[in-house]
């Protein structure tokens, strides 16, 4: 996944998080969780608020991200997808992505990463 320095700095310095003013926290949480999970793309595993869409897209475009994934199943998902499409994005299928969660596999006696399906959204 592409490194976004601003969010890396926030992840590494809790004091900066407390003082940050112009941060899109929906995007920050998605970035932090995506880094922990080791996903290939920025993944939104929690709700995306409609009022955050413009900021999310502006940051993605500024940072050169050409797609995101959405693995959350929040109740207003179709409305958010519609708002993304109205702003030039498109849904481009689905893929399985790793989560930040592990589960015990009794057959191998090891912890394994959990995966879940996610929508792929191309940033237009």
PDB file of N, CA and C in Angstrom:
ATOM      1  N   UNK A   1       0.842  -1.176   0.000  1.00  0.00           N
ATOM      2  CA  UNK A   1       0.000   0.000   0.000  1.00  0.00           C
ATOM      3  C   UNK A   1       0.892   1.247   0.000  1.00  0.00           C
ATOM      4  N   UNK A   2       0.462   2.247  -0.709  1.00  0.00           N
ATOM      5  CA  UNK A   2       1.218   3.496  -0.779  1.00  0.00           C
ATOM      6  C   UNK A   2       1.281   4.149   0.600  1.00  0.00           C
ATOM      7  N   UNK A   3       2.467   4.585   0.957  1.00  0.00           N
ATOM      8  CA  UNK A   3       2.682   5.273   2.234  1.00  0.00           C
ATOM      9  C   UNK A   3       2.249   6.728   2.093  1.00  0.00           C
ATOM     10  N   UNK A   4       1.454   7.198   3.051  1.00  0.00           N
ATOM     11  CA  UNK A   4       1.052   8.603   3.105  1.00  0.00           C
ATOM     12  C   UNK A   4       1.716   9.199   4.342  1.00  0.00           C
ATOM     13  N   UNK A   5       2.728  10.029   4.117  1.00  0.00           N
ATOM     14  CA  UNK A   5       3.573  10.524   5.199  1.00  0.00           C
ATOM     15  C   UNK A   5       2.778  11.197   6.315  1.00  0.00           C
ATOM     16  N   UNK A   6       1.811  12.007   5.972  1.00  0.00           N
ATOM     17  CA  UNK A   6       1.029  12.709   6.989  1.00  0.00           C
ATOM     18  C   UNK A   6       0.402  11.725   7.972  1.00  0.00           C
ATOM     19  N   UNK A   7      -0.167  10.644   7.436  1.00  0.00           N
ATOM     20  CA  UNK A   7      -0.822   9.666   8.300  1.00  0.00           C
ATOM     21  C   UNK A   7       0.186   8.790   9.030  1.00  0.00           C
ATOM     22  N   UNK A   8       1.315   8.519   8.407  1.00  0.00           N
ATOM     23  CA  UNK A   8       2.375   7.786   9.102  1.00  0.00           C
ATOM     24  C   UNK A   8       2.841   8.584  10.320  1.00  0.00           C
ATOM     25  N   UNK A   9       3.030   9.898  10.138  1.00  0.00           N
ATOM     26  CA  UNK A   9       3.448  10.754  11.248  1.00  0.00           C
ATOM     27  C   UNK A   9       2.419  10.728  12.372  1.00  0.00           C
ATOM     28  N   UNK A  10       1.146  10.776  12.024  1.00  0.00           N
ATOM     29  CA  UNK A  10       0.093  10.729  13.038  1.00  0.00           C
ATOM     30  C   UNK A  10       0.073   9.384  13.765  1.00  0.00           C
ATOM     31  N   UNK A  11       0.316   8.318  13.043  1.00  0.00           N
ATOM     32  CA  UNK A  11       0.326   6.994  13.660  1.00  0.00           C
ATOM     33  C   UNK A  11       1.474   6.869  14.659  1.00  0.00           C
ATOM     34  N   UNK A  12       2.589   7.485  14.338  1.00  0.00           N
ATOM     35  CA  UNK A  12       3.794   7.335  15.153  1.00  0.00           C
ATOM     36  C   UNK A  12       3.919   8.335  16.283  1.00  0.00           C
ATOM     37  N   UNK A  13       3.078   9.345  16.325  1.00  0.00           N
ATOM     38  CA  UNK A  13       3.190  10.382  17.349  1.00  0.00           C
ATOM     39  C   UNK A  13       1.810  10.735  17.906  1.00  0.00           C
ATOM     40  N   UNK A  14       1.417  10.104  19.011  1.00  0.00           N
ATOM     41  CA  UNK A  14       0.101  10.372  19.598  1.00  0.00           C
ATOM     42  C   UNK A  14      -0.127  11.848  19.922  1.00  0.00           C
ATOM     43  N   UNK A  15       0.922  12.565  20.260  1.00  0.00           N
ATOM     44  CA  UNK A  15       0.773  13.990  20.562  1.00  0.00           C
ATOM     45  C   UNK A  15       0.292  14.753  19.327  1.00  0.00           C
ATOM     46  N   UNK A  16       0.815  14.389  18.152  1.00  0.00           N
ATOM     47  CA  UNK A  16       0.374  15.020  16.903  1.00  0.00           C
ATOM     48  C   UNK A  16      -1.101  14.769  16.644  1.00  0.00           C
ATOM     49  N   UNK A  17      -1.558  13.553  16.962  1.00  0.00           N
ATOM     50  CA  UNK A  17      -2.979  13.233  16.763  1.00  0.00           C
ATOM     51  C   UNK A  17      -3.871  14.162  17.574  1.00  0.00           C
ATOM     52  N   UNK A  18      -3.462  14.458  18.798  1.00  0.00           N
ATOM     53  CA  UNK A  18      -4.258  15.333  19.661  1.00  0.00           C
ATOM     54  C   UNK A  18      -4.287  16.765  19.151  1.00  0.00           C
ATOM     55  N   UNK A  19      -3.248  17.181  18.450  1.00  0.00           N
ATOM     56  CA  UNK A  19      -3.140  18.569  18.001  1.00  0.00           C
ATOM     57  C   UNK A  19      -3.584  18.761  16.547  1.00  0.00           C
ATOM     58  N   UNK A  20      -3.753  17.673  15.806  1.00  0.00           N
ATOM     59  CA  UNK A  20      -4.100  17.775  14.389  1.00  0.00           C
ATOM     60  C   UNK A  20      -5.491  18.364  14.229  1.00  0.00           C
ATOM     61  N   UNK A  21      -5.618  19.316  13.341  1.00  0.00           N
ATOM     62  CA  UNK A  21      -6.897  19.997  13.140  1.00  0.00           C
ATOM     63  C   UNK A  21      -7.564  19.622  11.812  1.00  0.00           C
ATOM     64  N   UNK A  22      -6.830  19.605  10.734  1.00  0.00           N
ATOM     65  CA  UNK A  22      -7.409  19.393   9.402  1.00  0.00           C
ATOM     66  C   UNK A  22      -7.224  17.958   8.913  1.00  0.00           C
ATOM     67  N   UNK A  23      -7.513  17.013   9.773  1.00  0.00           N
ATOM     68  CA  UNK A  23      -7.348  15.606   9.421  1.00  0.00           C
ATOM     69  C   UNK A  23      -8.728  14.997   9.201  1.00  0.00           C
ATOM     70  N   UNK A  24      -8.860  14.257   8.131  1.00  0.00           N
ATOM     71  CA  UNK A  24     -10.076  13.497   7.886  1.00  0.00           C
ATOM     72  C   UNK A  24      -9.917  12.194   8.677  1.00  0.00           C
ATOM     73  N   UNK A  25     -10.606  12.096   9.802  1.00  0.00           N
ATOM     74  CA  UNK A  25     -10.404  10.973  10.718  1.00  0.00           C
ATOM     75  C   UNK A  25     -10.950   9.661  10.155  1.00  0.00           C
ATOM     76  N   UNK A  26     -11.933   9.729   9.282  1.00  0.00           N
ATOM     77  CA  UNK A  26     -12.422   8.517   8.623  1.00  0.00           C
ATOM     78  C   UNK A  26     -11.309   7.932   7.753  1.00  0.00           C
ATOM     79  N   UNK A  27     -10.640   8.796   7.009  1.00  0.00           N
ATOM     80  CA  UNK A  27      -9.529   8.367   6.165  1.00  0.00           C
ATOM     81  C   UNK A  27      -8.344   7.915   7.010  1.00  0.00           C
ATOM     82  N   UNK A  28      -8.049   8.634   8.076  1.00  0.00           N
ATOM     83  CA  UNK A  28      -6.933   8.251   8.954  1.00  0.00           C
ATOM     84  C   UNK A  28      -7.154   6.845   9.511  1.00  0.00           C
ATOM     85  N   UNK A  29      -8.361   6.568  10.028  1.00  0.00           N
ATOM     86  CA  UNK A  29      -8.646   5.257  10.598  1.00  0.00           C
ATOM     87  C   UNK A  29      -8.514   4.165   9.534  1.00  0.00           C
ATOM     88  N   UNK A  30      -9.019   4.422   8.337  1.00  0.00           N
ATOM     89  CA  UNK A  30      -8.896   3.449   7.249  1.00  0.00           C
ATOM     90  C   UNK A  30      -7.423   3.196   6.919  1.00  0.00           C
ATOM     91  N   UNK A  31      -6.642   4.272   6.877  1.00  0.00           N
ATOM     92  CA  UNK A  31      -5.212   4.138   6.577  1.00  0.00           C
ATOM     93  C   UNK A  31      -4.510   3.318   7.665  1.00  0.00           C
ATOM     94  N   UNK A  32      -4.744   3.693   8.919  1.00  0.00           N
ATOM     95  CA  UNK A  32      -4.106   2.998  10.045  1.00  0.00           C
ATOM     96  C   UNK A  32      -4.455   1.515  10.028  1.00  0.00           C
ATOM     97  N   UNK A  33      -5.743   1.200   9.877  1.00  0.00           N
ATOM     98  CA  UNK A  33      -6.173  -0.192   9.886  1.00  0.00           C
ATOM     99  C   UNK A  33      -5.654  -0.954   8.666  1.00  0.00           C
ATOM    100  N   UNK A  34      -5.582  -0.290   7.524  1.00  0.00           N
ATOM    101  CA  UNK A  34      -5.050  -0.925   6.308  1.00  0.00           C
ATOM    102  C   UNK A  34      -3.575  -1.260   6.471  1.00  0.00           C
ATOM    103  N   UNK A  35      -2.827  -0.359   7.084  1.00  0.00           N
ATOM    104  CA  UNK A  35      -1.399  -0.616   7.313  1.00  0.00           C
ATOM    105  C   UNK A  35      -1.215  -1.790   8.273  1.00  0.00           C
ATOM    106  N   UNK A  36      -2.030  -1.823   9.333  1.00  0.00           N
ATOM    107  CA  UNK A  36      -1.939  -2.932  10.290  1.00  0.00           C
ATOM    108  C   UNK A  36      -2.269  -4.260   9.629  1.00  0.00           C
ATOM    109  N   UNK A  37      -3.243  -4.248   8.739  1.00  0.00           N
ATOM    110  CA  UNK A  37      -3.675  -5.480   8.073  1.00  0.00           C
ATOM    111  C   UNK A  37      -2.740  -5.897   6.940  1.00  0.00           C
ATOM    112  N   UNK A  38      -1.982  -4.945   6.412  1.00  0.00           N
ATOM    113  CA  UNK A  38      -1.095  -5.257   5.292  1.00  0.00           C
ATOM    114  C   UNK A  38      -1.823  -5.369   3.971  1.00  0.00           C
ATOM    115  N   UNK A  39      -2.898  -4.586   3.795  1.00  0.00           N
ATOM    116  CA  UNK A  39      -3.647  -4.633   2.546  1.00  0.00           C
ATOM    117  C   UNK A  39      -2.872  -3.963   1.414  1.00  0.00           C
ATOM    118  N   UNK A  40      -3.172  -4.357   0.188  1.00  0.00           N
ATOM    119  CA  UNK A  40      -2.545  -3.741  -0.981  1.00  0.00           C
ATOM    120  C   UNK A  40      -3.104  -2.350  -1.250  1.00  0.00           C
ATOM    121  N   UNK A  41      -4.385  -2.160  -0.908  1.00  0.00           N
ATOM    122  CA  UNK A  41      -5.073  -0.897  -1.175  1.00  0.00           C
ATOM    123  C   UNK A  41      -5.583  -0.310   0.129  1.00  0.00           C
ATOM    124  N   UNK A  42      -5.826   0.982   0.115  1.00  0.00           N
ATOM    125  CA  UNK A  42      -6.473   1.649   1.239  1.00  0.00           C
ATOM    126  C   UNK A  42      -7.872   1.058   1.374  1.00  0.00           C
ATOM    127  N   UNK A  43      -8.157   0.469   2.520  1.00  0.00           N
ATOM    128  CA  UNK A  43      -9.445  -0.199   2.720  1.00  0.00           C
ATOM    129  C   UNK A  43     -10.253   0.480   3.822  1.00  0.00           C
ATOM    130  N   UNK A  44     -11.530   0.656   3.549  1.00  0.00           N
ATOM    131  CA  UNK A  44     -12.448   1.209   4.532  1.00  0.00           C
ATOM    132  C   UNK A  44     -13.240   0.052   5.125  1.00  0.00           C
ATOM    133  N   UNK A  45     -12.903  -0.322   6.355  1.00  0.00           N
ATOM    134  CA  UNK A  45     -13.571  -1.434   7.026  1.00  0.00           C
ATOM    135  C   UNK A  45     -14.636  -0.936   7.992  1.00  0.00           C
ATOM    136  N   UNK A  46     -14.842   0.363   8.014  1.00  0.00           N
ATOM    137  CA  UNK A  46     -15.840   0.977   8.873  1.00  0.00           C
ATOM    138  C   UNK A  46     -16.656   1.961   8.037  1.00  0.00           C
ATOM    139  N   UNK A  47     -17.640   2.570   8.638  1.00  0.00           N
ATOM    140  CA  UNK A  47     -18.535   3.472   7.919  1.00  0.00           C
ATOM    141  C   UNK A  47     -17.774   4.629   7.268  1.00  0.00           C
ATOM    142  N   UNK A  48     -18.239   5.013   6.087  1.00  0.00           N
ATOM    143  CA  UNK A  48     -17.745   6.212   5.411  1.00  0.00           C
ATOM    144  C   UNK A  48     -18.879   7.231   5.496  1.00  0.00           C
ATOM    145  N   UNK A  49     -18.620   8.346   6.118  1.00  0.00           N
ATOM    146  CA  UNK A  49     -19.628   9.395   6.255  1.00  0.00           C
ATOM    147  C   UNK A  49     -19.662  10.215   4.977  1.00  0.00           C
ATOM    148  N   UNK A  50     -20.861  10.529   4.497  1.00  0.00           N
ATOM    149  CA  UNK A  50     -20.995  11.288   3.250  1.00  0.00           C
ATOM    150  C   UNK A  50     -20.221  12.595   3.282  1.00  0.00           C
ATOM    151  N   UNK A  51     -20.192  13.246   4.442  1.00  0.00           N
ATOM    152  CA  UNK A  51     -19.480  14.529   4.531  1.00  0.00           C
ATOM    153  C   UNK A  51     -17.958  14.373   4.423  1.00  0.00           C
ATOM    154  N   UNK A  52     -17.456  13.139   4.509  1.00  0.00           N
ATOM    155  CA  UNK A  52     -16.012  12.900   4.390  1.00  0.00           C
ATOM    156  C   UNK A  52     -15.577  12.545   2.972  1.00  0.00           C
ATOM    157  N   UNK A  53     -16.518  12.293   2.084  1.00  0.00           N
ATOM    158  CA  UNK A  53     -16.187  11.792   0.748  1.00  0.00           C
ATOM    159  C   UNK A  53     -15.287  12.752  -0.020  1.00  0.00           C
ATOM    160  N   UNK A  54     -15.617  14.033  -0.043  1.00  0.00           N
ATOM    161  CA  UNK A  54     -14.799  15.008  -0.791  1.00  0.00           C
ATOM    162  C   UNK A  54     -13.355  14.996  -0.301  1.00  0.00           C
ATOM    163  N   UNK A  55     -13.165  15.017   1.016  1.00  0.00           N
ATOM    164  CA  UNK A  55     -11.814  15.002   1.579  1.00  0.00           C
ATOM    165  C   UNK A  55     -11.069  13.725   1.290  1.00  0.00           C
ATOM    166  N   UNK A  56     -11.772  12.609   1.360  1.00  0.00           N
ATOM    167  CA  UNK A  56     -11.153  11.312   1.056  1.00  0.00           C
ATOM    168  C   UNK A  56     -10.673  11.290  -0.394  1.00  0.00           C
ATOM    169  N   UNK A  57     -11.555  11.691  -1.309  1.00  0.00           N
ATOM    170  CA  UNK A  57     -11.177  11.687  -2.724  1.00  0.00           C
ATOM    171  C   UNK A  57     -10.062  12.679  -3.014  1.00  0.00           C
ATOM    172  N   UNK A  58     -10.114  13.853  -2.410  1.00  0.00           N
ATOM    173  CA  UNK A  58      -9.055  14.854  -2.627  1.00  0.00           C
ATOM    174  C   UNK A  58      -7.703  14.299  -2.181  1.00  0.00           C
ATOM    175  N   UNK A  59      -7.665  13.663  -1.024  1.00  0.00           N
ATOM    176  CA  UNK A  59      -6.408  13.093  -0.531  1.00  0.00           C
ATOM    177  C   UNK A  59      -5.945  11.944  -1.415  1.00  0.00           C
ATOM    178  N   UNK A  60      -6.867  11.063  -1.801  1.00  0.00           N
ATOM    179  CA  UNK A  60      -6.495   9.941  -2.673  1.00  0.00           C
ATOM    180  C   UNK A  60      -5.902  10.452  -3.983  1.00  0.00           C
ATOM    181  N   UNK A  61      -6.543  11.443  -4.566  1.00  0.00           N
ATOM    182  CA  UNK A  61      -6.038  11.997  -5.836  1.00  0.00           C
ATOM    183  C   UNK A  61      -4.684  12.677  -5.636  1.00  0.00           C
ATOM    184  N   UNK A  62      -4.550  13.435  -4.564  1.00  0.00           N
ATOM    185  CA  UNK A  62      -3.287  14.124  -4.266  1.00  0.00           C
ATOM    186  C   UNK A  62      -2.148  13.124  -4.065  1.00  0.00           C
ATOM    187  N   UNK A  63      -2.452  12.015  -3.419  1.00  0.00           N
ATOM    188  CA  UNK A  63      -1.427  11.006  -3.113  1.00  0.00           C
ATOM    189  C   UNK A  63      -1.234   9.991  -4.237  1.00  0.00           C
ATOM    190  N   UNK A  64      -2.005  10.119  -5.323  1.00  0.00           N
ATOM    191  CA  UNK A  64      -1.840   9.228  -6.463  1.00  0.00           C
ATOM    192  C   UNK A  64      -2.468   7.856  -6.289  1.00  0.00           C
ATOM    193  N   UNK A  65      -3.439   7.733  -5.402  1.00  0.00           N
ATOM    194  CA  UNK A  65      -4.136   6.453  -5.248  1.00  0.00           C
ATOM    195  C   UNK A  65      -5.187   6.338  -6.339  1.00  0.00           C
ATOM    196  N   UNK A  66      -5.144   5.251  -7.078  1.00  0.00           N
ATOM    197  CA  UNK A  66      -6.108   5.103  -8.171  1.00  0.00           C
ATOM    198  C   UNK A  66      -7.283   4.212  -7.806  1.00  0.00           C
ATOM    199  N   UNK A  67      -7.239   3.600  -6.595  1.00  0.00           N
ATOM    200  CA  UNK A  67      -8.375   2.810  -6.147  1.00  0.00           C
ATOM    201  C   UNK A  67      -8.329   2.640  -4.637  1.00  0.00           C
ATOM    202  N   UNK A  68      -9.495   2.341  -4.084  1.00  0.00           N
ATOM    203  CA  UNK A  68      -9.644   1.998  -2.676  1.00  0.00           C
ATOM    204  C   UNK A  68     -10.500   0.736  -2.628  1.00  0.00           C
ATOM    205  N   UNK A  69     -10.564   0.135  -1.461  1.00  0.00           N
ATOM    206  CA  UNK A  69     -11.500  -0.961  -1.258  1.00  0.00           C
ATOM    207  C   UNK A  69     -12.402  -0.612  -0.082  1.00  0.00           C
ATOM    208  N   UNK A  70     -13.589  -1.192  -0.101  1.00  0.00           N
ATOM    209  CA  UNK A  70     -14.539  -1.010   0.990  1.00  0.00           C
ATOM    210  C   UNK A  70     -15.000  -2.397   1.416  1.00  0.00           C
ATOM    211  N   UNK A  71     -14.637  -2.781   2.639  1.00  0.00           N
ATOM    212  CA  UNK A  71     -15.057  -4.089   3.152  1.00  0.00           C
ATOM    213  C   UNK A  71     -16.161  -3.957   4.192  1.00  0.00           C
ATOM    214  N   UNK A  72     -16.490  -2.756   4.567  1.00  0.00           N
ATOM    215  CA  UNK A  72     -17.562  -2.537   5.524  1.00  0.00           C
ATOM    216  C   UNK A  72     -18.915  -2.815   4.877  1.00  0.00           C
ATOM    217  N   UNK A  73     -19.858  -3.225   5.687  1.00  0.00           N
ATOM    218  CA  UNK A  73     -21.215  -3.478   5.192  1.00  0.00           C
ATOM    219  C   UNK A  73     -22.206  -2.521   5.858  1.00  0.00           C
ATOM    220  N   UNK A  74     -21.769  -1.299   6.127  1.00  0.00           N
ATOM    221  CA  UNK A  74     -22.625  -0.327   6.815  1.00  0.00           C
ATOM    222  C   UNK A  74     -23.906  -0.063   6.030  1.00  0.00           C
ATOM    223  N   UNK A  75     -24.933   0.373   6.729  1.00  0.00           N
ATOM    224  CA  UNK A  75     -26.278   0.437   6.148  1.00  0.00           C
ATOM    225  C   UNK A  75     -26.435   1.458   5.021  1.00  0.00           C
ATOM    226  N   UNK A  76     -25.616   2.489   4.984  1.00  0.00           N
ATOM    227  CA  UNK A  76     -25.748   3.482   3.908  1.00  0.00           C
ATOM    228  C   UNK A  76     -24.715   3.279   2.803  1.00  0.00           C
ATOM    229  N   UNK A  77     -24.217   2.064   2.666  1.00  0.00           N
ATOM    230  CA  UNK A  77     -23.175   1.769   1.684  1.00  0.00           C
ATOM    231  C   UNK A  77     -23.591   2.138   0.266  1.00  0.00           C
ATOM    232  N   UNK A  78     -24.804   1.800  -0.136  1.00  0.00           N
ATOM    233  CA  UNK A  78     -25.203   2.112  -1.509  1.00  0.00           C
ATOM    234  C   UNK A  78     -25.263   3.614  -1.751  1.00  0.00           C
ATOM    235  N   UNK A  79     -25.686   4.381  -0.758  1.00  0.00           N
ATOM    236  CA  UNK A  79     -25.702   5.838  -0.908  1.00  0.00           C
ATOM    237  C   UNK A  79     -24.291   6.397  -1.049  1.00  0.00           C
ATOM    238  N   UNK A  80     -23.355   5.855  -0.271  1.00  0.00           N
ATOM    239  CA  UNK A  80     -21.952   6.303  -0.370  1.00  0.00           C
ATOM    240  C   UNK A  80     -21.377   5.920  -1.724  1.00  0.00           C
ATOM    241  N   UNK A  81     -21.660   4.714  -2.199  1.00  0.00           N
ATOM    242  CA  UNK A  81     -21.183   4.314  -3.529  1.00  0.00           C
ATOM    243  C   UNK A  81     -21.745   5.241  -4.601  1.00  0.00           C
ATOM    244  N   UNK A  82     -23.005   5.604  -4.462  1.00  0.00           N
ATOM    245  CA  UNK A  82     -23.622   6.532  -5.405  1.00  0.00           C
ATOM    246  C   UNK A  82     -22.896   7.878  -5.391  1.00  0.00           C
ATOM    247  N   UNK A  83     -22.596   8.383  -4.206  1.00  0.00           N
ATOM    248  CA  UNK A  83     -21.888   9.662  -4.089  1.00  0.00           C
ATOM    249  C   UNK A  83     -20.485   9.564  -4.688  1.00  0.00           C
ATOM    250  N   UNK A  84     -19.818   8.445  -4.497  1.00  0.00           N
ATOM    251  CA  UNK A  84     -18.497   8.249  -5.104  1.00  0.00           C
ATOM    252  C   UNK A  84     -18.611   8.239  -6.627  1.00  0.00           C
ATOM    253  N   UNK A  85     -19.617   7.542  -7.144  1.00  0.00           N
ATOM    254  CA  UNK A  85     -19.813   7.472  -8.600  1.00  0.00           C
ATOM    255  C   UNK A  85     -20.146   8.850  -9.174  1.00  0.00           C
ATOM    256  N   UNK A  86     -20.931   9.624  -8.467  1.00  0.00           N
ATOM    257  CA  UNK A  86     -21.256  10.980  -8.932  1.00  0.00           C
ATOM    258  C   UNK A  86     -20.013  11.861  -9.021  1.00  0.00           C
ATOM    259  N   UNK A  87     -18.960  11.488  -8.305  1.00  0.00           N
ATOM    260  CA  UNK A  87     -17.712  12.258  -8.293  1.00  0.00           C
ATOM    261  C   UNK A  87     -16.636  11.619  -9.165  1.00  0.00           C
ATOM    262  N   UNK A  88     -17.061  10.764 -10.098  1.00  0.00           N
ATOM    263  CA  UNK A  88     -16.133  10.218 -11.085  1.00  0.00           C
ATOM    264  C   UNK A  88     -15.542   8.863 -10.763  1.00  0.00           C
ATOM    265  N   UNK A  89     -15.934   8.251  -9.657  1.00  0.00           N
ATOM    266  CA  UNK A  89     -15.413   6.926  -9.302  1.00  0.00           C
ATOM    267  C   UNK A  89     -16.302   5.848  -9.905  1.00  0.00           C
ATOM    268  N   UNK A  90     -15.811   4.622  -9.883  1.00  0.00           N
ATOM    269  CA  UNK A  90     -16.623   3.505 -10.371  1.00  0.00           C
ATOM    270  C   UNK A  90     -16.306   2.257  -9.561  1.00  0.00           C
ATOM    271  N   UNK A  91     -17.311   1.420  -9.401  1.00  0.00           N
ATOM    272  CA  UNK A  91     -17.118   0.143  -8.732  1.00  0.00           C
ATOM    273  C   UNK A  91     -16.526  -0.808  -9.757  1.00  0.00           C
ATOM    274  N   UNK A  92     -15.421  -1.441  -9.396  1.00  0.00           N
ATOM    275  CA  UNK A  92     -14.674  -2.258 -10.348  1.00  0.00           C
ATOM    276  C   UNK A  92     -14.488  -3.681  -9.836  1.00  0.00           C
ATOM    277  N   UNK A  93     -15.553  -4.256  -9.321  1.00  0.00           N
ATOM    278  CA  UNK A  93     -15.482  -5.642  -8.883  1.00  0.00           C
ATOM    279  C   UNK A  93     -15.235  -5.784  -7.397  1.00  0.00           C
ATOM    280  N   UNK A  94     -14.793  -6.970  -7.050  1.00  0.00           N
ATOM    281  CA  UNK A  94     -14.527  -7.301  -5.650  1.00  0.00           C
ATOM    282  C   UNK A  94     -13.248  -8.119  -5.563  1.00  0.00           C
ATOM    283  N   UNK A  95     -12.694  -8.153  -4.353  1.00  0.00           N
ATOM    284  CA  UNK A  95     -11.538  -8.999  -4.091  1.00  0.00           C
ATOM    285  C   UNK A  95     -11.496  -9.330  -2.612  1.00  0.00           C
ATOM    286  N   UNK A  96     -10.778 -10.364  -2.275  1.00  0.00           N
ATOM    287  CA  UNK A  96     -10.581 -10.731  -0.876  1.00  0.00           C
ATOM    288  C   UNK A  96      -9.379  -9.954  -0.350  1.00  0.00           C
ATOM    289  N   UNK A  97      -9.523  -9.428   0.865  1.00  0.00           N
ATOM    290  CA  UNK A  97      -8.428  -8.656   1.459  1.00  0.00           C
ATOM    291  C   UNK A  97      -8.130  -9.162   2.874  1.00  0.00           C
ATOM    292  N   UNK A  98      -6.880  -8.994   3.320  1.00  0.00           N
ATOM    293  CA  UNK A  98      -6.575  -9.381   4.701  1.00  0.00           C
ATOM    294  C   UNK A  98      -7.147  -8.355   5.675  1.00  0.00           C
ATOM    295  N   UNK A  99      -7.503  -8.827   6.860  1.00  0.00           N
ATOM    296  CA  UNK A  99      -7.928  -7.916   7.925  1.00  0.00           C
ATOM    297  C   UNK A  99      -6.803  -7.837   8.949  1.00  0.00           C
ATOM    298  N   UNK A 100      -6.987  -6.990   9.926  1.00  0.00           N
ATOM    299  CA  UNK A 100      -5.988  -6.892  10.990  1.00  0.00           C
ATOM    300  C   UNK A 100      -6.220  -7.947  12.075  1.00  0.00           C
ATOM    301  N   UNK A 101      -7.200  -8.827  11.872  1.00  0.00           N
ATOM    302  CA  UNK A 101      -7.572  -9.818  12.869  1.00  0.00           C
ATOM    303  C   UNK A 101      -6.996 -11.188  12.525  1.00  0.00           C
ATOM    304  N   UNK A 102      -6.717 -11.943  13.554  1.00  0.00           N
ATOM    305  CA  UNK A 102      -6.183 -13.300  13.416  1.00  0.00           C
ATOM    306  C   UNK A 102      -7.174 -14.274  14.037  1.00  0.00           C
ATOM    307  N   UNK A 103      -7.110 -15.495  13.583  1.00  0.00           N
ATOM    308  CA  UNK A 103      -7.895 -16.567  14.200  1.00  0.00           C
ATOM    309  C   UNK A 103      -7.003 -17.787  14.339  1.00  0.00           C
ATOM    310  N   UNK A 104      -7.361 -18.629  15.261  1.00  0.00           N
ATOM    311  CA  UNK A 104      -6.608 -19.847  15.498  1.00  0.00           C
ATOM    312  C   UNK A 104      -7.053 -20.933  14.520  1.00  0.00           C
ATOM    313  N   UNK A 105      -6.085 -21.538  13.836  1.00  0.00           N
ATOM    314  CA  UNK A 105      -6.357 -22.644  12.915  1.00  0.00           C
ATOM    315  C   UNK A 105      -5.938 -23.935  13.616  1.00  0.00           C
ATOM    316  N   UNK A 106      -6.931 -24.720  14.004  1.00  0.00           N
ATOM    317  CA  UNK A 106      -6.637 -25.943  14.766  1.00  0.00           C
ATOM    318  C   UNK A 106      -5.888 -26.982  13.936  1.00  0.00           C
ATOM    319  N   UNK A 107      -6.021 -26.939  12.613  1.00  0.00           N
ATOM    320  CA  UNK A 107      -5.326 -27.917  11.765  1.00  0.00           C
ATOM    321  C   UNK A 107      -3.821 -27.664  11.723  1.00  0.00           C
ATOM    322  N   UNK A 108      -3.424 -26.390  11.743  1.00  0.00           N
ATOM    323  CA  UNK A 108      -1.997 -26.069  11.685  1.00  0.00           C
ATOM    324  C   UNK A 108      -1.436 -25.666  13.041  1.00  0.00           C
ATOM    325  N   UNK A 109      -2.329 -25.482  14.022  1.00  0.00           N
ATOM    326  CA  UNK A 109      -1.943 -25.039  15.359  1.00  0.00           C
ATOM    327  C   UNK A 109      -1.252 -23.667  15.322  1.00  0.00           C
ATOM    328  N   UNK A 110      -1.739 -22.795  14.394  1.00  0.00           N
ATOM    329  CA  UNK A 110      -1.153 -21.462  14.252  1.00  0.00           C
ATOM    330  C   UNK A 110      -2.251 -20.423  14.112  1.00  0.00           C
ATOM    331  N   UNK A 111      -1.881 -19.194  14.380  1.00  0.00           N
ATOM    332  CA  UNK A 111      -2.790 -18.088  14.084  1.00  0.00           C
ATOM    333  C   UNK A 111      -2.680 -17.749  12.612  1.00  0.00           C
ATOM    334  N   UNK A 112      -3.817 -17.489  11.990  1.00  0.00           N
ATOM    335  CA  UNK A 112      -3.827 -17.117  10.583  1.00  0.00           C
ATOM    336  C   UNK A 112      -4.628 -15.825  10.414  1.00  0.00           C
ATOM    337  N   UNK A 113      -4.275 -15.070   9.408  1.00  0.00           N
ATOM    338  CA  UNK A 113      -4.969 -13.829   9.112  1.00  0.00           C
ATOM    339  C   UNK A 113      -6.354 -14.123   8.566  1.00  0.00           C
ATOM    340  N   UNK A 114      -7.333 -13.361   9.047  1.00  0.00           N
ATOM    341  CA  UNK A 114      -8.678 -13.475   8.497  1.00  0.00           C
ATOM    342  C   UNK A 114      -8.776 -12.620   7.234  1.00  0.00           C
ATOM    343  N   UNK A 115      -9.554 -13.078   6.290  1.00  0.00           N
ATOM    344  CA  UNK A 115      -9.805 -12.354   5.045  1.00  0.00           C
ATOM    345  C   UNK A 115     -11.301 -12.068   4.951  1.00  0.00           C
ATOM    346  N   UNK A 116     -11.616 -10.996   4.211  1.00  0.00           N
ATOM    347  CA  UNK A 116     -13.032 -10.691   3.960  1.00  0.00           C
ATOM    348  C   UNK A 116     -13.168 -10.085   2.581  1.00  0.00           C
ATOM    349  N   UNK A 117     -14.353 -10.188   1.988  1.00  0.00           N
ATOM    350  CA  UNK A 117     -14.562  -9.606   0.666  1.00  0.00           C
ATOM    351  C   UNK A 117     -14.660  -8.089   0.744  1.00  0.00           C
ATOM    352  N   UNK A 118     -14.205  -7.441  -0.312  1.00  0.00           N
ATOM    353  CA  UNK A 118     -14.252  -5.979  -0.380  1.00  0.00           C
ATOM    354  C   UNK A 118     -14.588  -5.539  -1.794  1.00  0.00           C
ATOM    355  N   UNK A 119     -15.341  -4.469  -1.876  1.00  0.00           N
ATOM    356  CA  UNK A 119     -15.598  -3.815  -3.166  1.00  0.00           C
ATOM    357  C   UNK A 119     -14.356  -3.042  -3.587  1.00  0.00           C
ATOM    358  N   UNK A 120     -14.029  -3.081  -4.853  1.00  0.00           N
ATOM    359  CA  UNK A 120     -12.933  -2.277  -5.404  1.00  0.00           C
ATOM    360  C   UNK A 120     -13.559  -1.052  -6.048  1.00  0.00           C
ATOM    361  N   UNK A 121     -13.104   0.130  -5.644  1.00  0.00           N
ATOM    362  CA  UNK A 121     -13.624   1.386  -6.188  1.00  0.00           C
ATOM    363  C   UNK A 121     -12.468   2.112  -6.866  1.00  0.00           C
ATOM    364  N   UNK A 122     -12.586   2.307  -8.171  1.00  0.00           N
ATOM    365  CA  UNK A 122     -11.588   3.084  -8.920  1.00  0.00           C
ATOM    366  C   UNK A 122     -11.839   4.564  -8.694  1.00  0.00           C
ATOM    367  N   UNK A 123     -10.769   5.264  -8.400  1.00  0.00           N
ATOM    368  CA  UNK A 123     -10.853   6.704  -8.185  1.00  0.00           C
ATOM    369  C   UNK A 123     -10.790   7.389  -9.539  1.00  0.00           C
ATOM    370  N   UNK A 124     -11.819   8.139  -9.862  1.00  0.00           N
ATOM    371  CA  UNK A 124     -11.865   8.838 -11.151  1.00  0.00           C
ATOM    372  C   UNK A 124     -11.485  10.278 -11.031  1.00  0.00           C
TER     373      UNK A 124
END
